[in-house]
């Protein structure tokens, strides 16, 4: 479905185009046909711009959330958990770049999944840091922290698995390209025995 901005742009173009062409051509049918064509093209262009803008906005939200998670992760006192979280945060930008390179059409879907996951990690990590910093305010704080560490370690596995999937998709095209090159440049045939 076209965005409201694309429809409005198409309508804004339609009316002056029709009036201008009618004044020049004197034919309402010809002016209407050309004006509708121009309006449709304007609407399609506007739709494309809206998709790119939305995709960019979503990618920026993922990056911003990832930076907040990294900031929280730096406050974690458990070294293994902190390193795992920071490694996962380092994987996210490369994952987005790789997705945009390998399969730009799936960037919006990948960004939405990453954003959903990162929002959950941020929320859990925020609570983890709160418990860590104020242990006396929580009953059995150490058990809560241990459980949280195990769960938060899954973020690194999630990021690594996602990067692996993108890498495998890229390898499929690599092998396809290699096969194509092999067809184009066959191995050399032995010399013929003709004299």
N, C-alpha and C. Protein backbone atom coordinates (compact mmCIF):
# COMPACT_ATOMS: atom_id res chain seq x y z
N UNK A 1 0.85 -1.19 0.00
CA UNK A 1 0.00 0.00 0.00
C UNK A 1 0.88 1.24 0.00
N UNK A 2 0.59 2.19 -0.88
CA UNK A 2 1.43 3.38 -0.95
C UNK A 2 1.30 4.23 0.31
N UNK A 3 2.38 4.91 0.64
CA UNK A 3 2.35 5.79 1.81
C UNK A 3 1.51 7.03 1.49
N UNK A 4 1.06 7.69 2.53
CA UNK A 4 0.26 8.90 2.35
C UNK A 4 1.04 9.98 1.60
N UNK A 5 2.32 10.09 1.90
CA UNK A 5 3.14 11.11 1.23
C UNK A 5 3.22 10.84 -0.27
N UNK A 6 3.33 9.56 -0.66
CA UNK A 6 3.41 9.22 -2.08
C UNK A 6 2.10 9.56 -2.79
N UNK A 7 0.98 9.27 -2.15
CA UNK A 7 -0.33 9.56 -2.74
C UNK A 7 -0.53 11.06 -2.86
N UNK A 8 -0.18 11.80 -1.82
CA UNK A 8 -0.34 13.26 -1.84
C UNK A 8 0.56 13.86 -2.93
N UNK A 9 1.79 13.37 -3.02
CA UNK A 9 2.70 13.88 -4.07
C UNK A 9 2.13 13.61 -5.45
N UNK A 10 1.56 12.42 -5.65
CA UNK A 10 0.98 12.08 -6.95
C UNK A 10 -0.19 13.01 -7.28
N UNK A 11 -1.02 13.29 -6.30
CA UNK A 11 -2.16 14.19 -6.52
C UNK A 11 -1.70 15.62 -6.78
N UNK A 12 -0.68 16.04 -6.05
CA UNK A 12 -0.16 17.40 -6.24
C UNK A 12 0.41 17.56 -7.65
N UNK A 13 1.02 16.51 -8.17
CA UNK A 13 1.58 16.55 -9.53
C UNK A 13 0.47 16.44 -10.58
N UNK A 14 -0.55 15.66 -10.29
CA UNK A 14 -1.61 15.39 -11.25
C UNK A 14 -2.33 16.66 -11.71
N UNK A 15 -2.76 17.46 -10.77
CA UNK A 15 -3.59 18.62 -11.10
C UNK A 15 -2.83 19.65 -11.95
N UNK A 16 -1.67 20.15 -11.51
CA UNK A 16 -0.98 21.14 -12.36
C UNK A 16 -0.52 20.56 -13.71
N UNK A 17 -0.15 19.28 -13.72
CA UNK A 17 0.27 18.67 -14.99
C UNK A 17 -0.90 18.65 -15.97
N UNK A 18 -2.06 18.22 -15.46
CA UNK A 18 -3.25 18.19 -16.32
C UNK A 18 -3.58 19.58 -16.84
N UNK A 19 -3.61 20.57 -15.94
CA UNK A 19 -3.97 21.94 -16.35
C UNK A 19 -2.96 22.50 -17.36
N UNK A 20 -1.68 22.26 -17.11
CA UNK A 20 -0.65 22.76 -18.03
C UNK A 20 -0.74 22.09 -19.39
N UNK A 21 -0.91 20.77 -19.41
CA UNK A 21 -1.00 20.06 -20.68
C UNK A 21 -2.29 20.40 -21.43
N UNK A 22 -3.37 20.59 -20.70
CA UNK A 22 -4.65 20.96 -21.33
C UNK A 22 -4.52 22.33 -22.00
N UNK A 23 -3.81 23.24 -21.30
CA UNK A 23 -3.62 24.58 -21.87
C UNK A 23 -2.76 24.51 -23.13
N UNK A 24 -1.77 23.63 -23.14
CA UNK A 24 -0.87 23.52 -24.29
C UNK A 24 -1.50 22.71 -25.42
N UNK A 25 -2.06 21.53 -25.07
CA UNK A 25 -2.59 20.61 -26.09
C UNK A 25 -4.02 20.93 -26.51
N UNK A 26 -4.79 21.42 -25.58
CA UNK A 26 -6.19 21.69 -25.88
C UNK A 26 -7.05 20.43 -25.87
N UNK A 27 -6.47 19.28 -25.58
CA UNK A 27 -7.20 18.02 -25.57
C UNK A 27 -7.29 17.50 -24.14
N UNK A 28 -8.52 17.41 -23.59
CA UNK A 28 -8.65 16.93 -22.20
C UNK A 28 -8.24 15.46 -22.06
N UNK A 29 -8.51 14.65 -23.07
CA UNK A 29 -8.17 13.23 -22.98
C UNK A 29 -6.66 13.04 -22.99
N UNK A 30 -5.98 13.69 -23.93
CA UNK A 30 -4.52 13.58 -24.01
C UNK A 30 -3.85 14.11 -22.77
N UNK A 31 -4.33 15.27 -22.30
CA UNK A 31 -3.76 15.87 -21.09
C UNK A 31 -3.99 14.96 -19.88
N UNK A 32 -5.18 14.36 -19.81
CA UNK A 32 -5.49 13.47 -18.68
C UNK A 32 -4.60 12.24 -18.70
N UNK A 33 -4.41 11.64 -19.88
CA UNK A 33 -3.57 10.43 -19.97
C UNK A 33 -2.13 10.71 -19.55
N UNK A 34 -1.58 11.78 -20.07
CA UNK A 34 -0.19 12.11 -19.72
C UNK A 34 -0.10 12.49 -18.25
N UNK A 35 -1.03 13.26 -17.73
CA UNK A 35 -1.01 13.68 -16.33
C UNK A 35 -1.12 12.48 -15.39
N UNK A 36 -1.98 11.53 -15.73
CA UNK A 36 -2.11 10.33 -14.90
C UNK A 36 -0.81 9.52 -14.93
N UNK A 37 -0.20 9.41 -16.08
CA UNK A 37 1.08 8.70 -16.19
C UNK A 37 2.15 9.35 -15.33
N UNK A 38 2.24 10.66 -15.40
CA UNK A 38 3.23 11.40 -14.60
C UNK A 38 2.92 11.22 -13.11
N UNK A 39 1.63 11.28 -12.75
CA UNK A 39 1.25 11.13 -11.34
C UNK A 39 1.59 9.73 -10.82
N UNK A 40 1.36 8.70 -11.63
CA UNK A 40 1.68 7.33 -11.23
C UNK A 40 3.19 7.18 -11.02
N UNK A 41 3.97 7.71 -11.96
CA UNK A 41 5.43 7.65 -11.82
C UNK A 41 5.90 8.39 -10.57
N UNK A 42 5.28 9.53 -10.29
CA UNK A 42 5.63 10.28 -9.09
C UNK A 42 5.28 9.49 -7.84
N UNK A 43 4.12 8.85 -7.85
CA UNK A 43 3.71 8.02 -6.70
C UNK A 43 4.65 6.85 -6.49
N UNK A 44 5.07 6.20 -7.56
CA UNK A 44 6.00 5.07 -7.44
C UNK A 44 7.36 5.53 -6.92
N UNK A 45 7.83 6.65 -7.43
CA UNK A 45 9.10 7.19 -6.95
C UNK A 45 9.01 7.56 -5.47
N UNK A 46 7.88 8.17 -5.10
CA UNK A 46 7.67 8.54 -3.70
C UNK A 46 7.62 7.33 -2.80
N UNK A 47 7.02 6.25 -3.29
CA UNK A 47 6.94 5.00 -2.53
C UNK A 47 8.34 4.43 -2.30
N UNK A 48 9.15 4.44 -3.35
CA UNK A 48 10.52 3.93 -3.22
C UNK A 48 11.32 4.74 -2.21
N UNK A 49 11.17 6.04 -2.27
CA UNK A 49 11.87 6.91 -1.32
C UNK A 49 11.39 6.62 0.10
N UNK A 50 10.09 6.41 0.27
CA UNK A 50 9.55 6.12 1.61
C UNK A 50 10.11 4.82 2.16
N UNK A 51 10.24 3.80 1.32
CA UNK A 51 10.79 2.51 1.77
C UNK A 51 12.23 2.67 2.21
N UNK A 52 13.02 3.37 1.43
CA UNK A 52 14.44 3.58 1.76
C UNK A 52 14.55 4.38 3.06
N UNK A 53 13.71 5.39 3.21
CA UNK A 53 13.73 6.21 4.42
C UNK A 53 13.37 5.39 5.65
N UNK A 54 12.32 4.58 5.53
CA UNK A 54 11.92 3.72 6.65
C UNK A 54 13.02 2.73 7.02
N UNK A 55 13.63 2.14 6.00
CA UNK A 55 14.71 1.17 6.23
C UNK A 55 15.87 1.84 6.96
N UNK A 56 16.23 3.04 6.53
CA UNK A 56 17.32 3.78 7.18
C UNK A 56 17.00 4.14 8.61
N UNK A 57 15.75 4.55 8.85
CA UNK A 57 15.31 4.91 10.20
C UNK A 57 15.38 3.68 11.12
N UNK A 58 14.95 2.54 10.62
CA UNK A 58 14.96 1.30 11.40
C UNK A 58 16.40 0.87 11.71
N UNK A 59 17.27 0.98 10.73
CA UNK A 59 18.68 0.62 10.94
C UNK A 59 19.33 1.54 11.97
N UNK A 60 18.99 2.83 11.92
CA UNK A 60 19.53 3.77 12.93
C UNK A 60 19.02 3.43 14.32
N UNK A 61 17.76 3.02 14.43
CA UNK A 61 17.22 2.62 15.75
C UNK A 61 17.95 1.40 16.29
N UNK A 62 18.26 0.43 15.40
CA UNK A 62 19.01 -0.75 15.83
C UNK A 62 20.38 -0.32 16.33
N UNK A 63 21.05 0.54 15.59
CA UNK A 63 22.39 0.99 15.98
C UNK A 63 22.37 1.75 17.30
N UNK A 64 21.38 2.59 17.47
CA UNK A 64 21.25 3.38 18.71
C UNK A 64 20.99 2.46 19.90
N UNK A 65 20.10 1.49 19.73
CA UNK A 65 19.80 0.54 20.81
C UNK A 65 21.04 -0.30 21.11
N UNK A 66 21.76 -0.70 20.08
CA UNK A 66 22.98 -1.49 20.26
C UNK A 66 24.02 -0.69 21.06
N UNK A 67 24.13 0.60 20.79
CA UNK A 67 25.08 1.44 21.56
C UNK A 67 24.66 1.53 23.03
N UNK A 68 23.35 1.62 23.28
CA UNK A 68 22.89 1.66 24.68
C UNK A 68 23.20 0.35 25.39
N UNK A 69 23.02 -0.78 24.68
CA UNK A 69 23.34 -2.09 25.25
C UNK A 69 24.84 -2.16 25.54
N UNK A 70 25.66 -1.68 24.63
CA UNK A 70 27.12 -1.71 24.84
C UNK A 70 27.52 -0.85 26.04
N UNK A 71 26.86 0.29 26.21
CA UNK A 71 27.14 1.16 27.36
C UNK A 71 26.78 0.44 28.65
N UNK A 72 25.64 -0.21 28.68
CA UNK A 72 25.24 -0.98 29.87
C UNK A 72 26.19 -2.16 30.09
N UNK A 73 26.58 -2.83 29.01
CA UNK A 73 27.47 -3.99 29.12
C UNK A 73 28.81 -3.59 29.73
N UNK A 74 29.27 -2.39 29.43
CA UNK A 74 30.55 -1.93 29.98
C UNK A 74 30.49 -1.77 31.50
N UNK A 75 29.30 -1.65 32.04
CA UNK A 75 29.12 -1.51 33.50
C UNK A 75 29.04 -2.84 34.23
N UNK A 76 28.96 -3.94 33.49
CA UNK A 76 28.87 -5.27 34.11
C UNK A 76 30.22 -5.60 34.74
N UNK A 77 30.19 -6.04 36.00
CA UNK A 77 31.45 -6.32 36.71
C UNK A 77 31.97 -7.73 36.43
N UNK A 78 31.12 -8.66 36.06
CA UNK A 78 31.57 -10.01 35.73
C UNK A 78 32.26 -9.96 34.36
N UNK A 79 33.56 -10.26 34.35
CA UNK A 79 34.38 -10.08 33.14
C UNK A 79 33.89 -10.94 31.97
N UNK A 80 33.56 -12.22 32.21
CA UNK A 80 33.11 -13.09 31.11
C UNK A 80 31.82 -12.58 30.48
N UNK A 81 30.89 -12.17 31.32
CA UNK A 81 29.61 -11.66 30.81
C UNK A 81 29.83 -10.37 30.04
N UNK A 82 30.64 -9.48 30.60
CA UNK A 82 30.91 -8.19 29.94
C UNK A 82 31.54 -8.40 28.57
N UNK A 83 32.55 -9.28 28.50
CA UNK A 83 33.23 -9.53 27.22
C UNK A 83 32.27 -10.14 26.20
N UNK A 84 31.45 -11.10 26.64
CA UNK A 84 30.49 -11.73 25.73
C UNK A 84 29.49 -10.72 25.19
N UNK A 85 28.99 -9.85 26.06
CA UNK A 85 28.02 -8.84 25.63
C UNK A 85 28.67 -7.84 24.67
N UNK A 86 29.87 -7.41 24.97
CA UNK A 86 30.54 -6.45 24.10
C UNK A 86 30.90 -7.07 22.75
N UNK A 87 31.26 -8.34 22.75
CA UNK A 87 31.52 -9.03 21.47
C UNK A 87 30.25 -9.08 20.63
N UNK A 88 29.13 -9.40 21.28
CA UNK A 88 27.85 -9.45 20.56
C UNK A 88 27.49 -8.08 20.01
N UNK A 89 27.71 -7.04 20.81
CA UNK A 89 27.42 -5.68 20.34
C UNK A 89 28.32 -5.30 19.16
N UNK A 90 29.54 -5.81 19.13
CA UNK A 90 30.43 -5.55 18.01
C UNK A 90 30.00 -6.28 16.75
N UNK A 91 29.28 -7.38 16.91
CA UNK A 91 28.83 -8.16 15.76
C UNK A 91 27.65 -7.50 15.06
N UNK A 92 26.82 -6.80 15.80
CA UNK A 92 25.57 -6.23 15.24
C UNK A 92 25.83 -5.29 14.06
N UNK A 93 26.72 -4.30 14.16
CA UNK A 93 26.94 -3.42 12.99
C UNK A 93 27.45 -4.19 11.76
N UNK A 94 28.34 -5.15 11.98
CA UNK A 94 28.83 -5.95 10.85
C UNK A 94 27.70 -6.77 10.25
N UNK A 95 26.82 -7.26 11.10
CA UNK A 95 25.67 -8.04 10.64
C UNK A 95 24.76 -7.18 9.75
N UNK A 96 24.51 -5.95 10.17
CA UNK A 96 23.68 -5.04 9.37
C UNK A 96 24.36 -4.71 8.04
N UNK A 97 25.65 -4.41 8.09
CA UNK A 97 26.38 -4.10 6.85
C UNK A 97 26.37 -5.28 5.90
N UNK A 98 26.60 -6.46 6.44
CA UNK A 98 26.65 -7.67 5.62
C UNK A 98 25.30 -7.95 5.00
N UNK A 99 24.22 -7.77 5.78
CA UNK A 99 22.87 -7.99 5.27
C UNK A 99 22.58 -7.03 4.14
N UNK A 100 22.97 -5.77 4.31
CA UNK A 100 22.73 -4.77 3.27
C UNK A 100 23.49 -5.12 2.00
N UNK A 101 24.67 -5.70 2.14
CA UNK A 101 25.47 -6.08 0.97
C UNK A 101 24.93 -7.33 0.29
N UNK A 102 24.64 -8.36 1.09
CA UNK A 102 24.26 -9.67 0.55
C UNK A 102 22.81 -9.70 0.10
N UNK A 103 21.91 -9.18 0.94
CA UNK A 103 20.48 -9.27 0.64
C UNK A 103 19.75 -8.02 1.13
N UNK A 104 19.86 -6.92 0.40
CA UNK A 104 19.26 -5.66 0.84
C UNK A 104 17.75 -5.75 1.06
N UNK A 105 17.09 -6.64 0.33
CA UNK A 105 15.63 -6.76 0.49
C UNK A 105 15.26 -7.26 1.87
N UNK A 106 16.15 -8.01 2.54
CA UNK A 106 15.82 -8.55 3.86
C UNK A 106 16.32 -7.65 4.99
N UNK A 107 16.89 -6.49 4.66
CA UNK A 107 17.44 -5.61 5.70
C UNK A 107 16.37 -5.15 6.68
N UNK A 108 15.20 -4.78 6.20
CA UNK A 108 14.13 -4.32 7.10
C UNK A 108 13.71 -5.42 8.06
N UNK A 109 13.51 -6.63 7.54
CA UNK A 109 13.09 -7.74 8.39
C UNK A 109 14.18 -8.07 9.40
N UNK A 110 15.42 -8.11 8.96
CA UNK A 110 16.53 -8.41 9.87
C UNK A 110 16.65 -7.32 10.93
N UNK A 111 16.50 -6.07 10.53
CA UNK A 111 16.58 -4.96 11.48
C UNK A 111 15.47 -5.04 12.51
N UNK A 112 14.26 -5.39 12.08
CA UNK A 112 13.16 -5.51 13.05
C UNK A 112 13.44 -6.62 14.06
N UNK A 113 13.93 -7.77 13.58
CA UNK A 113 14.25 -8.87 14.49
C UNK A 113 15.35 -8.47 15.46
N UNK A 114 16.38 -7.83 14.93
CA UNK A 114 17.47 -7.38 15.80
C UNK A 114 16.98 -6.36 16.83
N UNK A 115 16.14 -5.44 16.38
CA UNK A 115 15.63 -4.42 17.29
C UNK A 115 14.81 -5.05 18.41
N UNK A 116 13.93 -5.98 18.07
CA UNK A 116 13.13 -6.67 19.09
C UNK A 116 14.04 -7.36 20.10
N UNK A 117 15.04 -8.05 19.61
CA UNK A 117 15.96 -8.78 20.48
C UNK A 117 16.77 -7.81 21.34
N UNK A 118 17.28 -6.75 20.71
CA UNK A 118 18.10 -5.78 21.45
C UNK A 118 17.31 -5.06 22.54
N UNK A 119 16.06 -4.76 22.26
CA UNK A 119 15.22 -4.10 23.27
C UNK A 119 15.07 -5.01 24.50
N UNK A 120 14.89 -6.30 24.26
CA UNK A 120 14.78 -7.25 25.38
C UNK A 120 16.11 -7.35 26.13
N UNK A 121 17.21 -7.41 25.38
CA UNK A 121 18.53 -7.48 26.03
C UNK A 121 18.76 -6.23 26.85
N UNK A 122 18.42 -5.08 26.28
CA UNK A 122 18.62 -3.82 27.01
C UNK A 122 17.84 -3.79 28.31
N UNK A 123 16.60 -4.22 28.25
CA UNK A 123 15.75 -4.23 29.45
C UNK A 123 16.32 -5.17 30.51
N UNK A 124 16.68 -6.38 30.10
CA UNK A 124 17.24 -7.35 31.05
C UNK A 124 18.58 -6.87 31.59
N UNK A 125 19.38 -6.28 30.74
CA UNK A 125 20.70 -5.81 31.16
C UNK A 125 20.59 -4.62 32.11
N UNK A 126 19.63 -3.78 31.85
CA UNK A 126 19.40 -2.63 32.75
C UNK A 126 19.06 -3.15 34.16
N UNK A 127 18.18 -4.16 34.22
CA UNK A 127 17.82 -4.73 35.52
C UNK A 127 19.02 -5.44 36.15
N UNK A 128 19.82 -6.14 35.33
CA UNK A 128 21.01 -6.83 35.82
C UNK A 128 21.96 -5.84 36.49
N UNK A 129 22.22 -4.73 35.82
CA UNK A 129 23.14 -3.72 36.36
C UNK A 129 22.56 -3.14 37.65
N UNK A 130 21.25 -2.95 37.69
CA UNK A 130 20.60 -2.44 38.91
C UNK A 130 20.80 -3.42 40.07
N UNK A 131 20.57 -4.71 39.82
CA UNK A 131 20.75 -5.73 40.86
C UNK A 131 22.23 -5.78 41.28
N UNK A 132 23.11 -5.74 40.29
CA UNK A 132 24.55 -5.80 40.56
C UNK A 132 24.98 -4.63 41.44
N UNK A 133 24.47 -3.44 41.16
CA UNK A 133 24.88 -2.24 41.89
C UNK A 133 24.20 -2.09 43.25
N UNK A 134 23.06 -2.75 43.43
CA UNK A 134 22.29 -2.61 44.68
C UNK A 134 21.89 -4.00 45.19
N UNK A 135 22.87 -4.83 45.42
CA UNK A 135 22.61 -6.23 45.83
C UNK A 135 21.76 -6.32 47.09
N UNK A 136 21.98 -5.41 48.01
CA UNK A 136 21.27 -5.50 49.29
C UNK A 136 19.77 -5.25 49.14
N UNK A 137 19.35 -4.62 48.05
CA UNK A 137 17.93 -4.33 47.83
C UNK A 137 17.17 -5.53 47.27
N UNK A 138 17.89 -6.60 46.91
CA UNK A 138 17.26 -7.77 46.30
C UNK A 138 17.54 -9.01 47.13
N UNK A 139 16.47 -9.76 47.36
CA UNK A 139 16.62 -11.02 48.06
C UNK A 139 17.25 -12.01 47.08
N UNK A 140 18.28 -12.68 47.53
CA UNK A 140 19.01 -13.66 46.73
C UNK A 140 19.54 -13.05 45.42
N UNK A 141 20.21 -11.93 45.58
CA UNK A 141 20.74 -11.19 44.43
C UNK A 141 21.74 -12.02 43.63
N UNK A 142 22.57 -12.80 44.33
CA UNK A 142 23.59 -13.59 43.63
C UNK A 142 22.95 -14.62 42.70
N UNK A 143 21.88 -15.27 43.14
CA UNK A 143 21.19 -16.25 42.29
C UNK A 143 20.57 -15.56 41.06
N UNK A 144 20.02 -14.36 41.27
CA UNK A 144 19.45 -13.60 40.15
C UNK A 144 20.53 -13.23 39.14
N UNK A 145 21.69 -12.84 39.63
CA UNK A 145 22.78 -12.45 38.75
C UNK A 145 23.31 -13.66 37.97
N UNK A 146 23.44 -14.80 38.63
CA UNK A 146 23.93 -16.00 37.95
C UNK A 146 22.97 -16.40 36.84
N UNK A 147 21.69 -16.40 37.15
CA UNK A 147 20.69 -16.76 36.13
C UNK A 147 20.71 -15.76 34.97
N UNK A 148 20.84 -14.49 35.31
CA UNK A 148 20.87 -13.44 34.28
C UNK A 148 22.10 -13.59 33.38
N UNK A 149 23.24 -13.95 33.98
CA UNK A 149 24.47 -14.13 33.18
C UNK A 149 24.28 -15.21 32.13
N UNK A 150 23.68 -16.33 32.56
CA UNK A 150 23.46 -17.43 31.61
C UNK A 150 22.54 -16.99 30.48
N UNK A 151 21.49 -16.26 30.83
CA UNK A 151 20.53 -15.81 29.82
C UNK A 151 21.17 -14.76 28.90
N UNK A 152 21.90 -13.81 29.47
CA UNK A 152 22.51 -12.76 28.66
C UNK A 152 23.62 -13.30 27.76
N UNK A 153 24.23 -14.42 28.15
CA UNK A 153 25.25 -15.04 27.29
C UNK A 153 24.63 -15.49 25.97
N UNK A 154 23.33 -15.72 25.95
CA UNK A 154 22.63 -16.10 24.73
C UNK A 154 22.65 -15.02 23.67
N UNK A 155 22.88 -13.77 24.07
CA UNK A 155 22.95 -12.66 23.12
C UNK A 155 24.13 -12.86 22.17
N UNK A 156 25.26 -13.28 22.71
CA UNK A 156 26.42 -13.52 21.85
C UNK A 156 26.14 -14.65 20.87
N UNK A 157 25.50 -15.72 21.37
CA UNK A 157 25.16 -16.85 20.49
C UNK A 157 24.18 -16.41 19.40
N UNK A 158 23.22 -15.58 19.78
CA UNK A 158 22.24 -15.08 18.82
C UNK A 158 22.94 -14.27 17.72
N UNK A 159 23.82 -13.35 18.12
CA UNK A 159 24.51 -12.51 17.16
C UNK A 159 25.41 -13.35 16.25
N UNK A 160 26.11 -14.31 16.85
CA UNK A 160 27.01 -15.17 16.05
C UNK A 160 26.21 -16.03 15.07
N UNK A 161 25.10 -16.58 15.53
CA UNK A 161 24.26 -17.41 14.66
C UNK A 161 23.69 -16.58 13.51
N UNK A 162 23.24 -15.38 13.80
CA UNK A 162 22.70 -14.51 12.75
C UNK A 162 23.77 -14.17 11.72
N UNK A 163 24.98 -13.87 12.20
CA UNK A 163 26.08 -13.56 11.28
C UNK A 163 26.44 -14.78 10.44
N UNK A 164 26.38 -15.96 11.05
CA UNK A 164 26.64 -17.21 10.32
C UNK A 164 25.65 -17.40 9.18
N UNK A 165 24.38 -17.15 9.47
CA UNK A 165 23.35 -17.33 8.45
C UNK A 165 23.59 -16.40 7.27
N UNK A 166 23.94 -15.16 7.54
CA UNK A 166 24.23 -14.21 6.46
C UNK A 166 25.46 -14.68 5.70
N UNK A 167 26.47 -15.15 6.41
CA UNK A 167 27.68 -15.65 5.76
C UNK A 167 27.40 -16.83 4.86
N UNK A 168 26.52 -17.75 5.30
CA UNK A 168 26.17 -18.91 4.48
C UNK A 168 25.44 -18.48 3.22
N UNK A 169 24.57 -17.48 3.33
CA UNK A 169 23.86 -16.99 2.14
C UNK A 169 24.87 -16.39 1.17
N UNK A 170 25.87 -15.71 1.70
CA UNK A 170 26.89 -15.11 0.85
C UNK A 170 27.74 -16.19 0.19
N UNK A 171 28.02 -17.27 0.91
CA UNK A 171 28.81 -18.36 0.34
C UNK A 171 28.07 -19.06 -0.79
N UNK A 172 26.76 -19.15 -0.69
CA UNK A 172 25.99 -19.78 -1.76
C UNK A 172 26.19 -19.02 -3.07
N UNK A 173 26.14 -17.70 -3.00
CA UNK A 173 26.36 -16.92 -4.22
C UNK A 173 27.82 -17.02 -4.67
N UNK A 174 28.75 -17.16 -3.73
CA UNK A 174 30.16 -17.33 -4.07
C UNK A 174 30.36 -18.62 -4.87
N UNK A 175 29.77 -19.72 -4.40
CA UNK A 175 29.92 -20.99 -5.10
C UNK A 175 29.23 -20.96 -6.47
N UNK A 176 28.11 -20.26 -6.56
CA UNK A 176 27.42 -20.11 -7.83
C UNK A 176 28.31 -19.34 -8.81
N UNK A 177 28.95 -18.27 -8.32
CA UNK A 177 29.86 -17.49 -9.17
C UNK A 177 31.05 -18.32 -9.61
N UNK A 178 31.59 -19.13 -8.71
CA UNK A 178 32.71 -20.00 -9.07
C UNK A 178 32.31 -20.98 -10.17
N UNK A 179 31.14 -21.59 -10.02
CA UNK A 179 30.66 -22.55 -11.02
C UNK A 179 30.50 -21.86 -12.38
N UNK A 180 29.98 -20.64 -12.35
CA UNK A 180 29.81 -19.89 -13.58
C UNK A 180 31.16 -19.62 -14.24
N UNK A 181 32.13 -19.22 -13.43
CA UNK A 181 33.47 -18.96 -13.99
C UNK A 181 34.10 -20.23 -14.56
N UNK A 182 33.87 -21.36 -13.89
CA UNK A 182 34.41 -22.62 -14.39
C UNK A 182 33.79 -22.97 -15.75
N UNK A 183 32.52 -22.65 -15.93
CA UNK A 183 31.88 -22.89 -17.22
C UNK A 183 32.44 -21.97 -18.30
N UNK A 184 32.71 -20.74 -17.89
CA UNK A 184 33.21 -19.77 -18.85
C UNK A 184 34.68 -20.03 -19.21
N UNK A 185 35.44 -20.54 -18.29
CA UNK A 185 36.87 -20.81 -18.49
C UNK A 185 37.15 -22.28 -18.19
N UNK A 186 36.82 -23.17 -19.11
CA UNK A 186 37.03 -24.59 -18.82
C UNK A 186 38.52 -24.91 -18.69
N UNK A 187 38.77 -25.99 -18.00
CA UNK A 187 40.15 -26.45 -17.86
C UNK A 187 40.72 -26.66 -19.26
N UNK A 188 42.01 -26.48 -19.39
CA UNK A 188 42.62 -26.64 -20.72
C UNK A 188 42.56 -28.09 -21.17
N UNK A 189 42.22 -28.27 -22.40
CA UNK A 189 42.18 -29.60 -22.98
C UNK A 189 43.60 -30.00 -23.40
N UNK A 190 43.88 -31.28 -23.39
CA UNK A 190 45.22 -31.70 -23.81
C UNK A 190 45.43 -31.32 -25.29
N UNK A 191 46.65 -31.08 -25.70
CA UNK A 191 46.89 -30.71 -27.11
C UNK A 191 46.47 -31.83 -28.04
N UNK A 192 45.96 -31.45 -29.15
CA UNK A 192 45.51 -32.45 -30.12
C UNK A 192 46.72 -33.04 -30.83
N UNK A 193 46.51 -34.19 -31.41
CA UNK A 193 47.62 -34.87 -32.08
C UNK A 193 47.62 -34.61 -33.56
N UNK A 194 46.92 -33.63 -33.99
CA UNK A 194 46.93 -33.28 -35.40
C UNK A 194 48.26 -32.64 -35.76
N UNK A 195 48.66 -32.89 -36.97
CA UNK A 195 49.95 -32.31 -37.39
C UNK A 195 49.76 -31.30 -38.43
